[in-house]
All heavy atoms as atom14 arrays in JSON, in Angstrom:
{
  "sequence": "DEETNQAVDASYLEKYADSEYSVTMSTEPVRRNTLEVVPQ",
  "atom14_mask": [
    [1, 1, 1, 1, 1, 1, 1, 1, 0, 0, 0, 0, 0, 0],
    [1, 1, 1, 1, 1, 1, 1, 1, 1, 0, 0, 0, 0, 0],
    [1, 1, 1, 1, 1, 1, 1, 1, 1, 0, 0, 0, 0, 0],
    [1, 1, 1, 1, 1, 1, 1, 0, 0, 0, 0, 0, 0, 0],
    [1, 1, 1, 1, 1, 1, 1, 1, 0, 0, 0, 0, 0, 0],
    [1, 1, 1, 1, 1, 1, 1, 1, 1, 0, 0, 0, 0, 0],
    [1, 1, 1, 1, 1, 0, 0, 0, 0, 0, 0, 0, 0, 0],
    [1, 1, 1, 1, 1, 1, 1, 0, 0, 0, 0, 0, 0, 0],
    [1, 1, 1, 1, 1, 1, 1, 1, 0, 0, 0, 0, 0, 0],
    [1, 1, 1, 1, 1, 0, 0, 0, 0, 0, 0, 0, 0, 0],
    [1, 1, 1, 1, 1, 1, 0, 0, 0, 0, 0, 0, 0, 0],
    [1, 1, 1, 1, 1, 1, 1, 1, 1, 1, 1, 1, 0, 0],
    [1, 1, 1, 1, 1, 1, 1, 1, 0, 0, 0, 0, 0, 0],
    [1, 1, 1, 1, 1, 1, 1, 1, 1, 0, 0, 0, 0, 0],
    [1, 1, 1, 1, 1, 1, 1, 1, 1, 0, 0, 0, 0, 0],
    [1, 1, 1, 1, 1, 1, 1, 1, 1, 1, 1, 1, 0, 0],
    [1, 1, 1, 1, 1, 0, 0, 0, 0, 0, 0, 0, 0, 0],
    [1, 1, 1, 1, 1, 1, 1, 1, 0, 0, 0, 0, 0, 0],
    [1, 1, 1, 1, 1, 1, 0, 0, 0, 0, 0, 0, 0, 0],
    [1, 1, 1, 1, 1, 1, 1, 1, 1, 0, 0, 0, 0, 0],
    [1, 1, 1, 1, 1, 1, 1, 1, 1, 1, 1, 1, 0, 0],
    [1, 1, 1, 1, 1, 1, 0, 0, 0, 0, 0, 0, 0, 0],
    [1, 1, 1, 1, 1, 1, 1, 0, 0, 0, 0, 0, 0, 0],
    [1, 1, 1, 1, 1, 1, 1, 0, 0, 0, 0, 0, 0, 0],
    [1, 1, 1, 1, 1, 1, 1, 1, 0, 0, 0, 0, 0, 0],
    [1, 1, 1, 1, 1, 1, 0, 0, 0, 0, 0, 0, 0, 0],
    [1, 1, 1, 1, 1, 1, 1, 0, 0, 0, 0, 0, 0, 0],
    [1, 1, 1, 1, 1, 1, 1, 1, 1, 0, 0, 0, 0, 0],
    [1, 1, 1, 1, 1, 1, 1, 0, 0, 0, 0, 0, 0, 0],
    [1, 1, 1, 1, 1, 1, 1, 0, 0, 0, 0, 0, 0, 0],
    [1, 1, 1, 1, 1, 1, 1, 1, 1, 1, 1, 0, 0, 0],
    [1, 1, 1, 1, 1, 1, 1, 1, 1, 1, 1, 0, 0, 0],
    [1, 1, 1, 1, 1, 1, 1, 1, 0, 0, 0, 0, 0, 0],
    [1, 1, 1, 1, 1, 1, 1, 0, 0, 0, 0, 0, 0, 0],
    [1, 1, 1, 1, 1, 1, 1, 1, 0, 0, 0, 0, 0, 0],
    [1, 1, 1, 1, 1, 1, 1, 1, 1, 0, 0, 0, 0, 0],
    [1, 1, 1, 1, 1, 1, 1, 0, 0, 0, 0, 0, 0, 0],
    [1, 1, 1, 1, 1, 1, 1, 0, 0, 0, 0, 0, 0, 0],
    [1, 1, 1, 1, 1, 1, 1, 0, 0, 0, 0, 0, 0, 0],
    [1, 1, 1, 1, 1, 1, 1, 1, 1, 0, 0, 0, 0, 0]
  ],
  "atom14_positions": [
    [[-1.5, -7.75, -10.09], [-0.52, -8.5, -9.32], [-0.97, -8.5, -7.86], [-0.51, -7.73, -7.03], [0.87, -7.86, -9.46], [1.95, -8.59, -8.69], [1.64, -9.49, -7.88], [3.14, -8.24, -8.88], [0.0, 0.0, 0.0], [0.0, 0.0, 0.0], [0.0, 0.0, 0.0], [0.0, 0.0, 0.0], [0.0, 0.0, 0.0], [0.0, 0.0, 0.0]],
    [[-1.93, -9.38, -7.58], [-2.54, -9.43, -6.25], [-1.54, -9.76, -5.15], [-1.63, -9.22, -4.05], [-3.7, -10.41, -6.21], [-5.0, -9.82, -6.65], [-5.41, -8.59, -5.84], [-5.46, -8.64, -4.6], [-5.68, -7.56, -6.47], [0.0, 0.0, 0.0], [0.0, 0.0, 0.0], [0.0, 0.0, 0.0], [0.0, 0.0, 0.0], [0.0, 0.0, 0.0]],
    [[-0.6, -10.62, -5.42], [0.37, -10.99, -4.38], [1.16, -9.77, -3.91], [1.26, -9.51, -2.71], [1.32, -12.06, -4.91], [2.31, -12.54, -3.86], [3.21, -13.64, -4.37], [2.91, -14.28, -5.4], [4.24, -13.87, -3.71], [0.0, 0.0, 0.0], [0.0, 0.0, 0.0], [0.0, 0.0, 0.0], [0.0, 0.0, 0.0], [0.0, 0.0, 0.0]],
    [[1.69, -9.01, -4.86], [2.45, -7.81, -4.49], [1.54, -6.77, -3.87], [1.86, -6.18, -2.83], [3.18, -7.24, -5.72], [4.08, -8.22, -6.23], [3.94, -5.97, -5.37], [0.0, 0.0, 0.0], [0.0, 0.0, 0.0], [0.0, 0.0, 0.0], [0.0, 0.0, 0.0], [0.0, 0.0, 0.0], [0.0, 0.0, 0.0], [0.0, 0.0, 0.0]],
    [[0.39, -6.51, -4.49], [-0.5, -5.47, -3.97], [-1.02, -5.79, -2.58], [-1.12, -4.9, -1.73], [-1.64, -5.2, -4.95], [-1.2, -4.27, -6.06], [-0.77, -3.15, -5.82], [-1.28, -4.75, -7.29], [0.0, 0.0, 0.0], [0.0, 0.0, 0.0], [0.0, 0.0, 0.0], [0.0, 0.0, 0.0], [0.0, 0.0, 0.0], [0.0, 0.0, 0.0]],
    [[-1.32, -7.04, -2.3], [-1.77, -7.41, -0.96], [-0.65, -7.23, 0.06], [-0.9, -6.79, 1.19], [-2.3, -8.84, -0.95], [-3.65, -8.95, -1.61], [-4.18, -10.38, -1.63], [-3.58, -11.29, -1.08], [-5.31, -10.57, -2.28], [0.0, 0.0, 0.0], [0.0, 0.0, 0.0], [0.0, 0.0, 0.0], [0.0, 0.0, 0.0], [0.0, 0.0, 0.0]],
    [[0.58, -7.53, -0.32], [1.72, -7.34, 0.58], [1.93, -5.86, 0.85], [2.22, -5.45, 1.99], [2.97, -7.98, 0.0], [0.0, 0.0, 0.0], [0.0, 0.0, 0.0], [0.0, 0.0, 0.0], [0.0, 0.0, 0.0], [0.0, 0.0, 0.0], [0.0, 0.0, 0.0], [0.0, 0.0, 0.0], [0.0, 0.0, 0.0], [0.0, 0.0, 0.0]],
    [[1.79, -5.02, -0.18], [1.93, -3.57, -0.02], [0.79, -3.05, 0.85], [1.01, -2.24, 1.76], [2.0, -2.86, -1.39], [1.96, -1.34, -1.22], [3.25, -3.29, -2.15], [0.0, 0.0, 0.0], [0.0, 0.0, 0.0], [0.0, 0.0, 0.0], [0.0, 0.0, 0.0], [0.0, 0.0, 0.0], [0.0, 0.0, 0.0], [0.0, 0.0, 0.0]],
    [[-0.44, -3.51, 0.62], [-1.58, -3.12, 1.46], [-1.28, -3.4, 2.93], [-1.46, -2.54, 3.79], [-2.84, -3.93, 1.09], [-3.37, -3.67, -0.3], [-2.98, -2.67, -0.93], [-4.19, -4.5, -0.76], [0.0, 0.0, 0.0], [0.0, 0.0, 0.0], [0.0, 0.0, 0.0], [0.0, 0.0, 0.0], [0.0, 0.0, 0.0], [0.0, 0.0, 0.0]],
    [[-0.84, -4.61, 3.21], [-0.56, -5.02, 4.59], [0.53, -4.14, 5.2], [0.46, -3.78, 6.38], [-0.17, -6.49, 4.64], [0.0, 0.0, 0.0], [0.0, 0.0, 0.0], [0.0, 0.0, 0.0], [0.0, 0.0, 0.0], [0.0, 0.0, 0.0], [0.0, 0.0, 0.0], [0.0, 0.0, 0.0], [0.0, 0.0, 0.0], [0.0, 0.0, 0.0]],
    [[1.53, -3.79, 4.41], [2.62, -2.97, 4.91], [2.13, -1.56, 5.24], [2.52, -0.98, 6.27], [3.77, -2.94, 3.91], [4.94, -2.43, 4.49], [0.0, 0.0, 0.0], [0.0, 0.0, 0.0], [0.0, 0.0, 0.0], [0.0, 0.0, 0.0], [0.0, 0.0, 0.0], [0.0, 0.0, 0.0], [0.0, 0.0, 0.0], [0.0, 0.0, 0.0]],
    [[1.27, -0.98, 4.41], [0.68, 0.33, 4.72], [-0.12, 0.25, 6.02], [-0.02, 1.13, 6.88], [-0.22, 0.83, 3.59], [0.5, 1.66, 2.56], [0.86, 1.12, 1.34], [0.84, 2.99, 2.81], [1.53, 1.88, 0.39], [1.51, 3.76, 1.86], [1.85, 3.19, 0.66], [2.52, 3.95, -0.28], [0.0, 0.0, 0.0], [0.0, 0.0, 0.0]],
    [[-0.94, -0.79, 6.14], [-1.79, -0.93, 7.33], [-0.95, -1.11, 8.6], [-1.34, -0.64, 9.68], [-2.77, -2.08, 7.15], [-3.85, -1.84, 6.1], [-4.59, -3.12, 5.78], [-4.81, -0.75, 6.56], [0.0, 0.0, 0.0], [0.0, 0.0, 0.0], [0.0, 0.0, 0.0], [0.0, 0.0, 0.0], [0.0, 0.0, 0.0], [0.0, 0.0, 0.0]],
    [[0.18, -1.76, 8.47], [1.04, -1.97, 9.63], [1.86, -0.72, 9.96], [1.86, -0.24, 11.1], [1.99, -3.15, 9.39], [2.92, -3.41, 10.56], [3.86, -4.56, 10.29], [3.56, -5.43, 9.45], [4.93, -4.59, 10.93], [0.0, 0.0, 0.0], [0.0, 0.0, 0.0], [0.0, 0.0, 0.0], [0.0, 0.0, 0.0], [0.0, 0.0, 0.0]],
    [[2.59, -0.2, 8.99], [3.5, 0.92, 9.24], [2.75, 2.18, 9.66], [3.22, 2.93, 10.52], [4.35, 1.2, 8.01], [5.4, 2.29, 8.24], [6.36, 2.44, 7.08], [7.39, 3.54, 7.34], [8.32, 3.69, 6.21], [0.0, 0.0, 0.0], [0.0, 0.0, 0.0], [0.0, 0.0, 0.0], [0.0, 0.0, 0.0], [0.0, 0.0, 0.0]],
    [[1.58, 2.4, 9.1], [0.84, 3.64, 9.36], [-0.47, 3.36, 10.1], [-1.46, 4.08, 9.92], [0.59, 4.39, 8.05], [1.89, 4.78, 7.38], [2.37, 4.08, 6.28], [2.67, 5.82, 7.89], [3.58, 4.43, 5.68], [3.87, 6.16, 7.3], [4.32, 5.47, 6.2], [5.52, 5.8, 5.61], [0.0, 0.0, 0.0], [0.0, 0.0, 0.0]],
    [[-0.45, 2.37, 10.96], [-1.65, 1.95, 11.69], [-2.28, 3.08, 12.51], [-3.49, 3.08, 12.72], [-1.33, 0.77, 12.61], [0.0, 0.0, 0.0], [0.0, 0.0, 0.0], [0.0, 0.0, 0.0], [0.0, 0.0, 0.0], [0.0, 0.0, 0.0], [0.0, 0.0, 0.0], [0.0, 0.0, 0.0], [0.0, 0.0, 0.0], [0.0, 0.0, 0.0]],
    [[-1.47, 4.03, 12.94], [-1.99, 5.13, 13.76], [-2.73, 6.19, 12.94], [-3.31, 7.11, 13.51], [-0.85, 5.81, 14.52], [-0.27, 4.9, 15.59], [-0.92, 3.92, 15.97], [0.86, 5.19, 16.04], [0.0, 0.0, 0.0], [0.0, 0.0, 0.0], [0.0, 0.0, 0.0], [0.0, 0.0, 0.0], [0.0, 0.0, 0.0], [0.0, 0.0, 0.0]],
    [[-2.71, 6.06, 11.62], [-3.37, 7.05, 10.78], [-4.63, 6.48, 10.13], [-4.62, 5.36, 9.62], [-2.43, 7.52, 9.66], [-3.14, 8.35, 8.76], [0.0, 0.0, 0.0], [0.0, 0.0, 0.0], [0.0, 0.0, 0.0], [0.0, 0.0, 0.0], [0.0, 0.0, 0.0], [0.0, 0.0, 0.0], [0.0, 0.0, 0.0], [0.0, 0.0, 0.0]],
    [[-5.65, 7.28, 10.11], [-6.89, 6.87, 9.44], [-6.69, 6.69, 7.94], [-7.45, 6.01, 7.27], [-8.0, 7.89, 9.69], [-7.68, 9.26, 9.1], [-8.67, 10.33, 9.48], [-8.51, 10.89, 10.58], [-9.57, 10.6, 8.67], [0.0, 0.0, 0.0], [0.0, 0.0, 0.0], [0.0, 0.0, 0.0], [0.0, 0.0, 0.0], [0.0, 0.0, 0.0]],
    [[-5.63, 7.29, 7.39], [-5.38, 7.21, 5.95], [-4.73, 5.89, 5.53], [-4.65, 5.59, 4.34], [-4.52, 8.38, 5.48], [-5.23, 9.7, 5.65], [-4.88, 10.56, 6.67], [-6.27, 10.06, 4.8], [-5.55, 11.76, 6.85], [-6.94, 11.26, 4.96], [-6.58, 12.1, 5.99], [-7.24, 13.29, 6.16], [0.0, 0.0, 0.0], [0.0, 0.0, 0.0]],
    [[-4.28, 5.09, 6.48], [-3.66, 3.81, 6.11], [-4.65, 2.92, 5.36], [-4.26, 2.21, 4.44], [-3.11, 3.09, 7.33], [-4.14, 2.72, 8.22], [0.0, 0.0, 0.0], [0.0, 0.0, 0.0], [0.0, 0.0, 0.0], [0.0, 0.0, 0.0], [0.0, 0.0, 0.0], [0.0, 0.0, 0.0], [0.0, 0.0, 0.0], [0.0, 0.0, 0.0]],
    [[-5.92, 3.0, 5.72], [-6.94, 2.19, 5.04], [-7.12, 2.71, 3.61], [-7.18, 1.93, 2.66], [-8.27, 2.2, 5.82], [-9.37, 1.52, 5.02], [-8.09, 1.53, 7.17], [0.0, 0.0, 0.0], [0.0, 0.0, 0.0], [0.0, 0.0, 0.0], [0.0, 0.0, 0.0], [0.0, 0.0, 0.0], [0.0, 0.0, 0.0], [0.0, 0.0, 0.0]],
    [[-7.18, 4.03, 3.45], [-7.32, 4.62, 2.12], [-6.16, 4.22, 1.22], [-6.34, 3.91, 0.04], [-7.4, 6.16, 2.21], [-8.5, 6.5, 3.05], [-7.58, 6.79, 0.85], [0.0, 0.0, 0.0], [0.0, 0.0, 0.0], [0.0, 0.0, 0.0], [0.0, 0.0, 0.0], [0.0, 0.0, 0.0], [0.0, 0.0, 0.0], [0.0, 0.0, 0.0]],
    [[-4.94, 4.24, 1.78], [-3.76, 3.91, 0.99], [-3.7, 2.44, 0.6], [-2.92, 2.06, -0.27], [-2.49, 4.3, 1.75], [-2.35, 5.8, 1.96], [-2.33, 6.76, 0.43], [-0.73, 6.29, -0.23], [0.0, 0.0, 0.0], [0.0, 0.0, 0.0], [0.0, 0.0, 0.0], [0.0, 0.0, 0.0], [0.0, 0.0, 0.0], [0.0, 0.0, 0.0]],
    [[-4.53, 1.62, 1.22], [-4.5, 0.18, 0.93], [-5.76, -0.3, 0.23], [-6.05, -1.49, 0.21], [-4.26, -0.61, 2.22], [-5.28, -0.34, 3.16], [0.0, 0.0, 0.0], [0.0, 0.0, 0.0], [0.0, 0.0, 0.0], [0.0, 0.0, 0.0], [0.0, 0.0, 0.0], [0.0, 0.0, 0.0], [0.0, 0.0, 0.0], [0.0, 0.0, 0.0]],
    [[-6.52, 0.63, -0.34], [-7.73, 0.27, -1.07], [-7.79, 1.02, -2.4], [-7.06, 1.97, -2.63], [-9.0, 0.59, -0.25], [-9.0, 1.96, 0.1], [-9.07, -0.27, 1.01], [0.0, 0.0, 0.0], [0.0, 0.0, 0.0], [0.0, 0.0, 0.0], [0.0, 0.0, 0.0], [0.0, 0.0, 0.0], [0.0, 0.0, 0.0], [0.0, 0.0, 0.0]],
    [[-8.68, 0.57, -3.29], [-8.89, 1.26, -4.56], [-9.57, 2.59, -4.3], [-10.34, 2.7, -3.36], [-9.74, 0.4, -5.5], [-9.07, -0.86, -5.98], [-7.84, -0.63, -6.84], [-7.59, 0.52, -7.28], [-7.11, -1.59, -7.06], [0.0, 0.0, 0.0], [0.0, 0.0, 0.0], [0.0, 0.0, 0.0], [0.0, 0.0, 0.0], [0.0, 0.0, 0.0]],
    [[-9.29, 3.6, -5.1], [-8.48, 3.6, -6.31], [-6.98, 3.84, -6.07], [-6.19, 3.71, -7.0], [-9.07, 4.74, -7.13], [-9.49, 5.74, -6.11], [-9.98, 4.91, -4.93], [0.0, 0.0, 0.0], [0.0, 0.0, 0.0], [0.0, 0.0, 0.0], [0.0, 0.0, 0.0], [0.0, 0.0, 0.0], [0.0, 0.0, 0.0], [0.0, 0.0, 0.0]],
    [[-6.6, 4.18, -4.84], [-5.19, 4.47, -4.57], [-4.3, 3.27, -4.88], [-3.19, 3.4, -5.42], [-4.99, 4.94, -3.1], [-3.51, 5.17, -2.8], [-5.8, 6.2, -2.84], [0.0, 0.0, 0.0], [0.0, 0.0, 0.0], [0.0, 0.0, 0.0], [0.0, 0.0, 0.0], [0.0, 0.0, 0.0], [0.0, 0.0, 0.0], [0.0, 0.0, 0.0]],
    [[-4.78, 2.12, -4.58], [-4.02, 0.88, -4.75], [-3.44, 0.71, -6.16], [-2.36, 0.18, -6.35], [-4.96, -0.28, -4.43], [-4.35, -1.59, -4.32], [-5.48, -2.54, -3.89], [-4.92, -3.71, -3.3], [-5.01, -4.9, -3.86], [-5.66, -5.07, -5.0], [-4.48, -5.94, -3.27], [0.0, 0.0, 0.0], [0.0, 0.0, 0.0], [0.0, 0.0, 0.0]],
    [[-4.16, 1.19, -7.16], [-3.69, 1.01, -8.55], [-2.55, 1.95, -8.91], [-1.99, 1.87, -9.99], [-4.85, 1.16, -9.53], [-5.32, 2.58, -9.72], [-6.52, 2.69, -10.6], [-7.62, 2.07, -9.87], [-8.82, 1.87, -10.35], [-9.1, 2.27, -11.56], [-9.75, 1.3, -9.62], [0.0, 0.0, 0.0], [0.0, 0.0, 0.0], [0.0, 0.0, 0.0]],
    [[-2.19, 2.86, -7.99], [-1.12, 3.83, -8.22], [0.17, 3.41, -7.5], [0.86, 4.23, -6.9], [-1.54, 5.21, -7.73], [-2.83, 5.66, -8.37], [-3.05, 5.46, -9.56], [-3.7, 6.26, -7.59], [0.0, 0.0, 0.0], [0.0, 0.0, 0.0], [0.0, 0.0, 0.0], [0.0, 0.0, 0.0], [0.0, 0.0, 0.0], [0.0, 0.0, 0.0]],
    [[0.47, 2.14, -7.54], [1.63, 1.6, -6.81], [2.86, 1.55, -7.7], [2.82, 1.07, -8.83], [1.32, 0.17, -6.31], [0.12, 0.19, -5.54], [2.46, -0.38, -5.47], [0.0, 0.0, 0.0], [0.0, 0.0, 0.0], [0.0, 0.0, 0.0], [0.0, 0.0, 0.0], [0.0, 0.0, 0.0], [0.0, 0.0, 0.0], [0.0, 0.0, 0.0]],
    [[3.97, 2.06, -7.15], [5.25, 2.01, -7.82], [6.27, 1.35, -6.91], [6.32, 1.64, -5.72], [5.76, 3.42, -8.15], [4.92, 4.29, -9.08], [5.53, 5.68, -9.2], [4.78, 3.64, -10.44], [0.0, 0.0, 0.0], [0.0, 0.0, 0.0], [0.0, 0.0, 0.0], [0.0, 0.0, 0.0], [0.0, 0.0, 0.0], [0.0, 0.0, 0.0]],
    [[7.09, 0.49, -7.5], [8.26, 0.0, -6.78], [9.38, 1.0, -7.02], [9.55, 1.52, -8.12], [8.69, -1.38, -7.26], [9.89, -1.89, -6.46], [10.29, -3.31, -6.77], [9.63, -3.97, -7.6], [11.28, -3.76, -6.17], [0.0, 0.0, 0.0], [0.0, 0.0, 0.0], [0.0, 0.0, 0.0], [0.0, 0.0, 0.0], [0.0, 0.0, 0.0]],
    [[10.12, 1.29, -5.96], [11.26, 2.22, -6.04], [12.52, 1.38, -6.05], [12.83, 0.68, -5.09], [11.25, 3.19, -4.84], [12.4, 4.17, -4.96], [9.92, 3.92, -4.75], [0.0, 0.0, 0.0], [0.0, 0.0, 0.0], [0.0, 0.0, 0.0], [0.0, 0.0, 0.0], [0.0, 0.0, 0.0], [0.0, 0.0, 0.0], [0.0, 0.0, 0.0]],
    [[13.23, 1.43, -7.17], [14.41, 0.59, -7.38], [15.65, 1.49, -7.47], [15.69, 2.39, -8.31], [14.26, -0.23, -8.68], [15.49, -1.1, -8.91], [12.99, -1.07, -8.63], [0.0, 0.0, 0.0], [0.0, 0.0, 0.0], [0.0, 0.0, 0.0], [0.0, 0.0, 0.0], [0.0, 0.0, 0.0], [0.0, 0.0, 0.0], [0.0, 0.0, 0.0]],
    [[16.66, 1.25, -6.61], [17.85, 2.08, -6.68], [18.6, 1.9, -7.99], [18.63, 0.8, -8.55], [18.69, 1.6, -5.49], [18.24, 0.22, -5.24], [16.78, 0.17, -5.64], [0.0, 0.0, 0.0], [0.0, 0.0, 0.0], [0.0, 0.0, 0.0], [0.0, 0.0, 0.0], [0.0, 0.0, 0.0], [0.0, 0.0, 0.0], [0.0, 0.0, 0.0]],
    [[19.2, 2.98, -8.48], [20.02, 2.9, -9.69], [21.48, 2.85, -9.28], [21.9, 3.56, -8.38], [19.79, 4.13, -10.57], [18.51, 4.06, -11.35], [18.48, 5.13, -12.4], [17.67, 6.03, -12.34], [19.34, 5.01, -13.38], [0.0, 0.0, 0.0], [0.0, 0.0, 0.0], [0.0, 0.0, 0.0], [0.0, 0.0, 0.0], [0.0, 0.0, 0.0]]
  ]
}
Protein backbone atom coordinates (compact mmCIF):
# COMPACT_ATOMS: atom_id res chain seq x y z
CA ASP A 1 0.00 0.00 0.00
CA GLU A 2 2.37 2.64 -1.32
CA GLU A 3 -0.03 5.54 -0.84
CA THR A 4 -0.40 4.90 2.89
CA ASN A 5 3.24 3.95 3.42
CA GLN A 6 4.53 7.03 1.63
CA ALA A 7 2.24 9.24 3.73
CA VAL A 8 3.49 7.54 6.91
CA ASP A 9 7.12 7.93 5.72
CA ALA A 10 6.58 11.65 5.16
CA SER A 11 4.97 12.03 8.58
CA TYR A 12 7.93 10.35 10.32
CA LEU A 13 10.36 12.57 8.41
CA GLU A 14 8.41 15.68 9.37
CA LYS A 15 7.51 14.97 13.00
CA TYR A 16 10.92 13.59 13.93
CA ALA A 17 13.08 15.68 11.61
CA ASP A 18 15.50 16.48 14.44
CA SER A 19 16.39 12.81 14.87
CA GLU A 20 18.73 10.82 12.67
CA TYR A 21 16.37 7.86 13.18
CA SER A 22 13.53 9.49 11.23
CA VAL A 23 15.14 8.26 8.01
CA THR A 24 15.46 4.72 9.37
CA MET A 25 11.81 4.74 10.44
CA SER A 26 10.77 5.70 6.91
CA THR A 27 12.75 3.08 4.98
CA GLU A 28 12.87 -0.71 4.66
CA PRO A 29 12.93 -2.97 6.56
CA VAL A 30 11.22 -0.88 9.27
CA ARG A 31 8.62 0.38 6.82
CA ARG A 32 7.04 -3.07 6.48
CA ASN A 33 6.27 -3.07 10.24
CA THR A 34 3.54 -0.43 10.00
CA LEU A 35 0.37 -0.65 12.06
CA GLU A 36 -2.61 1.66 12.09
CA VAL A 37 -3.84 2.33 15.62
CA VAL A 38 -7.64 2.35 15.67
CA PRO A 39 -9.57 3.32 18.81
CA GLN A 40 -12.09 0.80 20.13
